[in-house]
Amino acid sequence: MNHPIISSVTTTATTTELPRLKILLYLDLYLLLLLCFSVKLSSSSSSSSYWETMMILKKSINQTLW
């Protein structure tokens, strides 16, 4: 037996805010993994290419979010 007010509040919160927050959280984790991976790569390669890849990643993420 659900309380109508509580259930309506939770459904509106989940439909509007939570998916976006989850996406942002997963993106942050993904970026952290990529960062660790690219740091390992950049130790063998030049640092300029590392920054280029990070800028490309930021642009693509901004395009997917907005």
PDB file of N, CA and C in Angstrom:
ATOM      1  N   MET A   1       0.840  -1.194   0.000  1.00  0.00           N
ATOM      2  CA  MET A   1       0.000   0.000   0.000  1.00  0.00           C
ATOM      3  C   MET A   1       0.882   1.253   0.000  1.00  0.00           C
ATOM      4  N   ASN A   2       0.927   1.941  -1.125  1.00  0.00           N
ATOM      5  CA  ASN A   2       1.767   3.132  -1.246  1.00  0.00           C
ATOM      6  C   ASN A   2       0.998   4.383  -0.881  1.00  0.00           C
ATOM      7  N   HIS A   3       1.689   5.282  -0.240  1.00  0.00           N
ATOM      8  CA  HIS A   3       1.100   6.589   0.034  1.00  0.00           C
ATOM      9  C   HIS A   3       1.111   7.393  -1.257  1.00  0.00           C
ATOM     10  N   PRO A   4      -0.012   7.981  -1.676  1.00  0.00           N
ATOM     11  CA  PRO A   4      -0.069   8.646  -2.993  1.00  0.00           C
ATOM     12  C   PRO A   4       0.889   9.817  -3.135  1.00  0.00           C
ATOM     13  N   ILE A   5       1.028  10.624  -2.077  1.00  0.00           N
ATOM     14  CA  ILE A   5       1.908  11.798  -2.166  1.00  0.00           C
ATOM     15  C   ILE A   5       3.359  11.364  -2.304  1.00  0.00           C
ATOM     16  N   ILE A   6       3.778  10.413  -1.475  1.00  0.00           N
ATOM     17  CA  ILE A   6       5.164   9.950  -1.504  1.00  0.00           C
ATOM     18  C   ILE A   6       5.495   9.314  -2.848  1.00  0.00           C
ATOM     19  N   SER A   7       4.582   8.481  -3.358  1.00  0.00           N
ATOM     20  CA  SER A   7       4.848   7.811  -4.628  1.00  0.00           C
ATOM     21  C   SER A   7       4.930   8.814  -5.770  1.00  0.00           C
ATOM     22  N   SER A   8       4.074   9.841  -5.754  1.00  0.00           N
ATOM     23  CA  SER A   8       4.114  10.836  -6.824  1.00  0.00           C
ATOM     24  C   SER A   8       5.404  11.646  -6.759  1.00  0.00           C
ATOM     25  N   VAL A   9       5.856  11.974  -5.556  1.00  0.00           N
ATOM     26  CA  VAL A   9       7.104  12.729  -5.406  1.00  0.00           C
ATOM     27  C   VAL A   9       8.287  11.911  -5.907  1.00  0.00           C
ATOM     28  N   THR A  10       8.321  10.643  -5.552  1.00  0.00           N
ATOM     29  CA  THR A  10       9.447   9.808  -5.972  1.00  0.00           C
ATOM     30  C   THR A  10       9.440   9.588  -7.471  1.00  0.00           C
ATOM     31  N   THR A  11       8.258   9.433  -8.078  1.00  0.00           N
ATOM     32  CA  THR A  11       8.222   9.214  -9.520  1.00  0.00           C
ATOM     33  C   THR A  11       8.658  10.457 -10.271  1.00  0.00           C
ATOM     34  N   THR A  12       8.244  11.646  -9.814  1.00  0.00           N
ATOM     35  CA  THR A  12       8.666  12.863 -10.499  1.00  0.00           C
ATOM     36  C   THR A  12      10.166  13.075 -10.341  1.00  0.00           C
ATOM     37  N   ALA A  13      10.701  12.735  -9.178  1.00  0.00           N
ATOM     38  CA  ALA A  13      12.137  12.892  -8.957  1.00  0.00           C
ATOM     39  C   ALA A  13      12.919  11.937  -9.848  1.00  0.00           C
ATOM     40  N   THR A  14      12.443  10.701  -9.962  1.00  0.00           N
ATOM     41  CA  THR A  14      13.180   9.723 -10.760  1.00  0.00           C
ATOM     42  C   THR A  14      13.079  10.033 -12.243  1.00  0.00           C
ATOM     43  N   THR A  15      11.931  10.534 -12.699  1.00  0.00           N
ATOM     44  CA  THR A  15      11.781  10.772 -14.129  1.00  0.00           C
ATOM     45  C   THR A  15      12.560  11.991 -14.592  1.00  0.00           C
ATOM     46  N   THR A  16      12.720  13.000 -13.729  1.00  0.00           N
ATOM     47  CA  THR A  16      13.380  14.221 -14.185  1.00  0.00           C
ATOM     48  C   THR A  16      14.847  14.295 -13.794  1.00  0.00           C
ATOM     49  N   GLU A  17      15.143  14.134 -12.516  1.00  0.00           N
ATOM     50  CA  GLU A  17      16.498  14.405 -12.035  1.00  0.00           C
ATOM     51  C   GLU A  17      17.430  13.201 -12.060  1.00  0.00           C
ATOM     52  N   LEU A  18      16.955  12.073 -11.581  1.00  0.00           N
ATOM     53  CA  LEU A  18      17.855  10.944 -11.365  1.00  0.00           C
ATOM     54  C   LEU A  18      18.548  10.421 -12.615  1.00  0.00           C
ATOM     55  N   PRO A  19      17.870  10.275 -13.755  1.00  0.00           N
ATOM     56  CA  PRO A  19      18.606   9.782 -14.933  1.00  0.00           C
ATOM     57  C   PRO A  19      19.776  10.676 -15.312  1.00  0.00           C
ATOM     58  N   ARG A  20      19.552  11.986 -15.266  1.00  0.00           N
ATOM     59  CA  ARG A  20      20.629  12.915 -15.623  1.00  0.00           C
ATOM     60  C   ARG A  20      21.776  12.818 -14.622  1.00  0.00           C
ATOM     61  N   LEU A  21      21.454  12.717 -13.342  1.00  0.00           N
ATOM     62  CA  LEU A  21      22.493  12.581 -12.326  1.00  0.00           C
ATOM     63  C   LEU A  21      23.261  11.284 -12.509  1.00  0.00           C
ATOM     64  N   LYS A  22      22.536  10.216 -12.824  1.00  0.00           N
ATOM     65  CA  LYS A  22      23.204   8.938 -13.061  1.00  0.00           C
ATOM     66  C   LYS A  22      24.131   9.030 -14.256  1.00  0.00           C
ATOM     67  N   ILE A  23      23.658   9.671 -15.332  1.00  0.00           N
ATOM     68  CA  ILE A  23      24.483   9.819 -16.534  1.00  0.00           C
ATOM     69  C   ILE A  23      25.745  10.605 -16.211  1.00  0.00           C
ATOM     70  N   LEU A  24      25.589  11.692 -15.466  1.00  0.00           N
ATOM     71  CA  LEU A  24      26.749  12.501 -15.097  1.00  0.00           C
ATOM     72  C   LEU A  24      27.714  11.721 -14.227  1.00  0.00           C
ATOM     73  N   LEU A  25      27.169  10.925 -13.315  1.00  0.00           N
ATOM     74  CA  LEU A  25      28.019  10.128 -12.440  1.00  0.00           C
ATOM     75  C   LEU A  25      28.798   9.094 -13.240  1.00  0.00           C
ATOM     76  N   TYR A  26      28.102   8.399 -14.148  1.00  0.00           N
ATOM     77  CA  TYR A  26      28.777   7.405 -14.979  1.00  0.00           C
ATOM     78  C   TYR A  26      29.817   8.058 -15.881  1.00  0.00           C
ATOM     79  N   LEU A  27      29.515   9.248 -16.380  1.00  0.00           N
ATOM     80  CA  LEU A  27      30.480   9.961 -17.212  1.00  0.00           C
ATOM     81  C   LEU A  27      31.718  10.333 -16.418  1.00  0.00           C
ATOM     82  N   ASP A  28      31.523  10.749 -15.176  1.00  0.00           N
ATOM     83  CA  ASP A  28      32.671  11.072 -14.328  1.00  0.00           C
ATOM     84  C   ASP A  28      33.544   9.849 -14.089  1.00  0.00           C
ATOM     85  N   LEU A  29      32.910   8.722 -13.810  1.00  0.00           N
ATOM     86  CA  LEU A  29      33.668   7.487 -13.600  1.00  0.00           C
ATOM     87  C   LEU A  29      34.396   7.079 -14.872  1.00  0.00           C
ATOM     88  N   TYR A  30      33.703   7.218 -15.997  1.00  0.00           N
ATOM     89  CA  TYR A  30      34.289   6.882 -17.291  1.00  0.00           C
ATOM     90  C   TYR A  30      35.489   7.775 -17.584  1.00  0.00           C
ATOM     91  N   LEU A  31      35.345   9.057 -17.293  1.00  0.00           N
ATOM     92  CA  LEU A  31      36.450   9.991 -17.500  1.00  0.00           C
ATOM     93  C   LEU A  31      37.627   9.678 -16.596  1.00  0.00           C
ATOM     94  N   LEU A  32      37.345   9.278 -15.369  1.00  0.00           N
ATOM     95  CA  LEU A  32      38.426   8.909 -14.458  1.00  0.00           C
ATOM     96  C   LEU A  32      39.186   7.701 -14.979  1.00  0.00           C
ATOM     97  N   LEU A  33      38.458   6.717 -15.479  1.00  0.00           N
ATOM     98  CA  LEU A  33      39.107   5.539 -16.049  1.00  0.00           C
ATOM     99  C   LEU A  33      39.942   5.917 -17.259  1.00  0.00           C
ATOM    100  N   LEU A  34      39.376   6.755 -18.122  1.00  0.00           N
ATOM    101  CA  LEU A  34      40.111   7.200 -19.298  1.00  0.00           C
ATOM    102  C   LEU A  34      41.337   8.005 -18.907  1.00  0.00           C
ATOM    103  N   LEU A  35      41.194   8.800 -17.872  1.00  0.00           N
ATOM    104  CA  LEU A  35      42.310   9.611 -17.397  1.00  0.00           C
ATOM    105  C   LEU A  35      43.458   8.720 -16.935  1.00  0.00           C
ATOM    106  N   CYS A  36      43.136   7.715 -16.122  1.00  0.00           N
ATOM    107  CA  CYS A  36      44.172   6.792 -15.645  1.00  0.00           C
ATOM    108  C   CYS A  36      44.826   6.062 -16.809  1.00  0.00           C
ATOM    109  N   PHE A  37      44.003   5.633 -17.758  1.00  0.00           N
ATOM    110  CA  PHE A  37      44.521   4.910 -18.914  1.00  0.00           C
ATOM    111  C   PHE A  37      45.412   5.802 -19.771  1.00  0.00           C
ATOM    112  N   SER A  38      44.970   7.041 -19.993  1.00  0.00           N
ATOM    113  CA  SER A  38      45.746   7.934 -20.847  1.00  0.00           C
ATOM    114  C   SER A  38      47.009   8.431 -20.160  1.00  0.00           C
ATOM    115  N   VAL A  39      47.006   8.475 -18.836  1.00  0.00           N
ATOM    116  CA  VAL A  39      48.238   8.830 -18.122  1.00  0.00           C
ATOM    117  C   VAL A  39      49.286   7.748 -18.343  1.00  0.00           C
ATOM    118  N   LYS A  40      48.858   6.498 -18.308  1.00  0.00           N
ATOM    119  CA  LYS A  40      49.781   5.402 -18.594  1.00  0.00           C
ATOM    120  C   LYS A  40      50.305   5.501 -20.023  1.00  0.00           C
ATOM    121  N   LEU A  41      49.419   5.866 -20.942  1.00  0.00           N
ATOM    122  CA  LEU A  41      49.825   6.010 -22.333  1.00  0.00           C
ATOM    123  C   LEU A  41      50.745   7.211 -22.517  1.00  0.00           C
ATOM    124  N   SER A  42      50.442   8.296 -21.832  1.00  0.00           N
ATOM    125  CA  SER A  42      51.214   9.520 -22.025  1.00  0.00           C
ATOM    126  C   SER A  42      52.627   9.401 -21.467  1.00  0.00           C
ATOM    127  N   SER A  43      52.841   8.463 -20.566  1.00  0.00           N
ATOM    128  CA  SER A  43      54.194   8.262 -20.058  1.00  0.00           C
ATOM    129  C   SER A  43      55.103   7.732 -21.164  1.00  0.00           C
ATOM    130  N   SER A  44      54.503   7.003 -22.111  1.00  0.00           N
ATOM    131  CA  SER A  44      55.297   6.488 -23.221  1.00  0.00           C
ATOM    132  C   SER A  44      55.267   7.434 -24.420  1.00  0.00           C
ATOM    133  N   SER A  45      54.151   8.168 -24.587  1.00  0.00           N
ATOM    134  CA  SER A  45      54.032   9.087 -25.719  1.00  0.00           C
ATOM    135  C   SER A  45      54.190  10.529 -25.251  1.00  0.00           C
ATOM    136  N   SER A  46      53.992  11.463 -26.171  1.00  0.00           N
ATOM    137  CA  SER A  46      54.150  12.876 -25.818  1.00  0.00           C
ATOM    138  C   SER A  46      52.935  13.384 -25.052  1.00  0.00           C
ATOM    139  N   SER A  47      53.150  14.393 -24.230  1.00  0.00           N
ATOM    140  CA  SER A  47      52.061  14.916 -23.404  1.00  0.00           C
ATOM    141  C   SER A  47      51.078  15.756 -24.216  1.00  0.00           C
ATOM    142  N   SER A  48      51.524  16.302 -25.351  1.00  0.00           N
ATOM    143  CA  SER A  48      50.625  17.130 -26.161  1.00  0.00           C
ATOM    144  C   SER A  48      49.482  16.301 -26.737  1.00  0.00           C
ATOM    145  N   SER A  49      49.789  15.083 -27.175  1.00  0.00           N
ATOM    146  CA  SER A  49      48.731  14.227 -27.714  1.00  0.00           C
ATOM    147  C   SER A  49      47.733  13.853 -26.628  1.00  0.00           C
ATOM    148  N   TYR A  50      48.229  13.714 -25.409  1.00  0.00           N
ATOM    149  CA  TYR A  50      47.349  13.417 -24.281  1.00  0.00           C
ATOM    150  C   TYR A  50      46.344  14.546 -24.068  1.00  0.00           C
ATOM    151  N   TRP A  51      46.825  15.785 -24.110  1.00  0.00           N
ATOM    152  CA  TRP A  51      45.916  16.914 -23.922  1.00  0.00           C
ATOM    153  C   TRP A  51      44.947  17.033 -25.084  1.00  0.00           C
ATOM    154  N   GLU A  52      45.394  16.711 -26.288  1.00  0.00           N
ATOM    155  CA  GLU A  52      44.499  16.748 -27.446  1.00  0.00           C
ATOM    156  C   GLU A  52      43.364  15.751 -27.290  1.00  0.00           C
ATOM    157  N   THR A  53      43.701  14.545 -26.849  1.00  0.00           N
ATOM    158  CA  THR A  53      42.657  13.539 -26.667  1.00  0.00           C
ATOM    159  C   THR A  53      41.682  13.954 -25.574  1.00  0.00           C
ATOM    160  N   MET A  54      42.179  14.577 -24.506  1.00  0.00           N
ATOM    161  CA  MET A  54      41.291  15.021 -23.439  1.00  0.00           C
ATOM    162  C   MET A  54      40.352  16.125 -23.925  1.00  0.00           C
ATOM    163  N   MET A  55      40.846  17.026 -24.754  1.00  0.00           N
ATOM    164  CA  MET A  55      39.992  18.080 -25.294  1.00  0.00           C
ATOM    165  C   MET A  55      38.924  17.495 -26.214  1.00  0.00           C
ATOM    166  N   ILE A  56      39.299  16.519 -27.019  1.00  0.00           N
ATOM    167  CA  ILE A  56      38.334  15.857 -27.899  1.00  0.00           C
ATOM    168  C   ILE A  56      37.261  15.156 -27.078  1.00  0.00           C
ATOM    169  N   LEU A  57      37.689  14.507 -25.995  1.00  0.00           N
ATOM    170  CA  LEU A  57      36.734  13.837 -25.113  1.00  0.00           C
ATOM    171  C   LEU A  57      35.766  14.841 -24.493  1.00  0.00           C
ATOM    172  N   LYS A  58      36.293  15.964 -24.036  1.00  0.00           N
ATOM    173  CA  LYS A  58      35.434  16.981 -23.426  1.00  0.00           C
ATOM    174  C   LYS A  58      34.418  17.502 -24.432  1.00  0.00           C
ATOM    175  N   LYS A  59      34.848  17.746 -25.659  1.00  0.00           N
ATOM    176  CA  LYS A  59      33.935  18.241 -26.684  1.00  0.00           C
ATOM    177  C   LYS A  59      32.837  17.228 -26.972  1.00  0.00           C
ATOM    178  N   SER A  60      33.209  15.974 -27.108  1.00  0.00           N
ATOM    179  CA  SER A  60      32.208  14.953 -27.420  1.00  0.00           C
ATOM    180  C   SER A  60      31.219  14.775 -26.276  1.00  0.00           C
ATOM    181  N   ILE A  61      31.713  14.852 -25.034  1.00  0.00           N
ATOM    182  CA  ILE A  61      30.818  14.713 -23.881  1.00  0.00           C
ATOM    183  C   ILE A  61      29.874  15.904 -23.790  1.00  0.00           C
ATOM    184  N   ASN A  62      30.375  17.101 -24.060  1.00  0.00           N
ATOM    185  CA  ASN A  62      29.510  18.278 -24.045  1.00  0.00           C
ATOM    186  C   ASN A  62      28.437  18.174 -25.118  1.00  0.00           C
ATOM    187  N   GLN A  63      28.789  17.627 -26.279  1.00  0.00           N
ATOM    188  CA  GLN A  63      27.809  17.474 -27.346  1.00  0.00           C
ATOM    189  C   GLN A  63      26.743  16.459 -26.974  1.00  0.00           C
ATOM    190  N   THR A  64      27.130  15.379 -26.296  1.00  0.00           N
ATOM    191  CA  THR A  64      26.141  14.374 -25.928  1.00  0.00           C
ATOM    192  C   THR A  64      25.238  14.870 -24.808  1.00  0.00           C
ATOM    193  N   LEU A  65      25.776  15.690 -23.901  1.00  0.00           N
ATOM    194  CA  LEU A  65      24.973  16.170 -22.773  1.00  0.00           C
ATOM    195  C   LEU A  65      23.994  17.253 -23.196  1.00  0.00           C
ATOM    196  N   TRP A  66      24.430  18.180 -24.016  1.00  0.00           N
ATOM    197  CA  TRP A  66      23.550  19.317 -24.329  1.00  0.00           C
ATOM    198  C   TRP A  66      22.935  19.153 -25.706  1.00  0.00           C
TER     199      TRP A  66
END
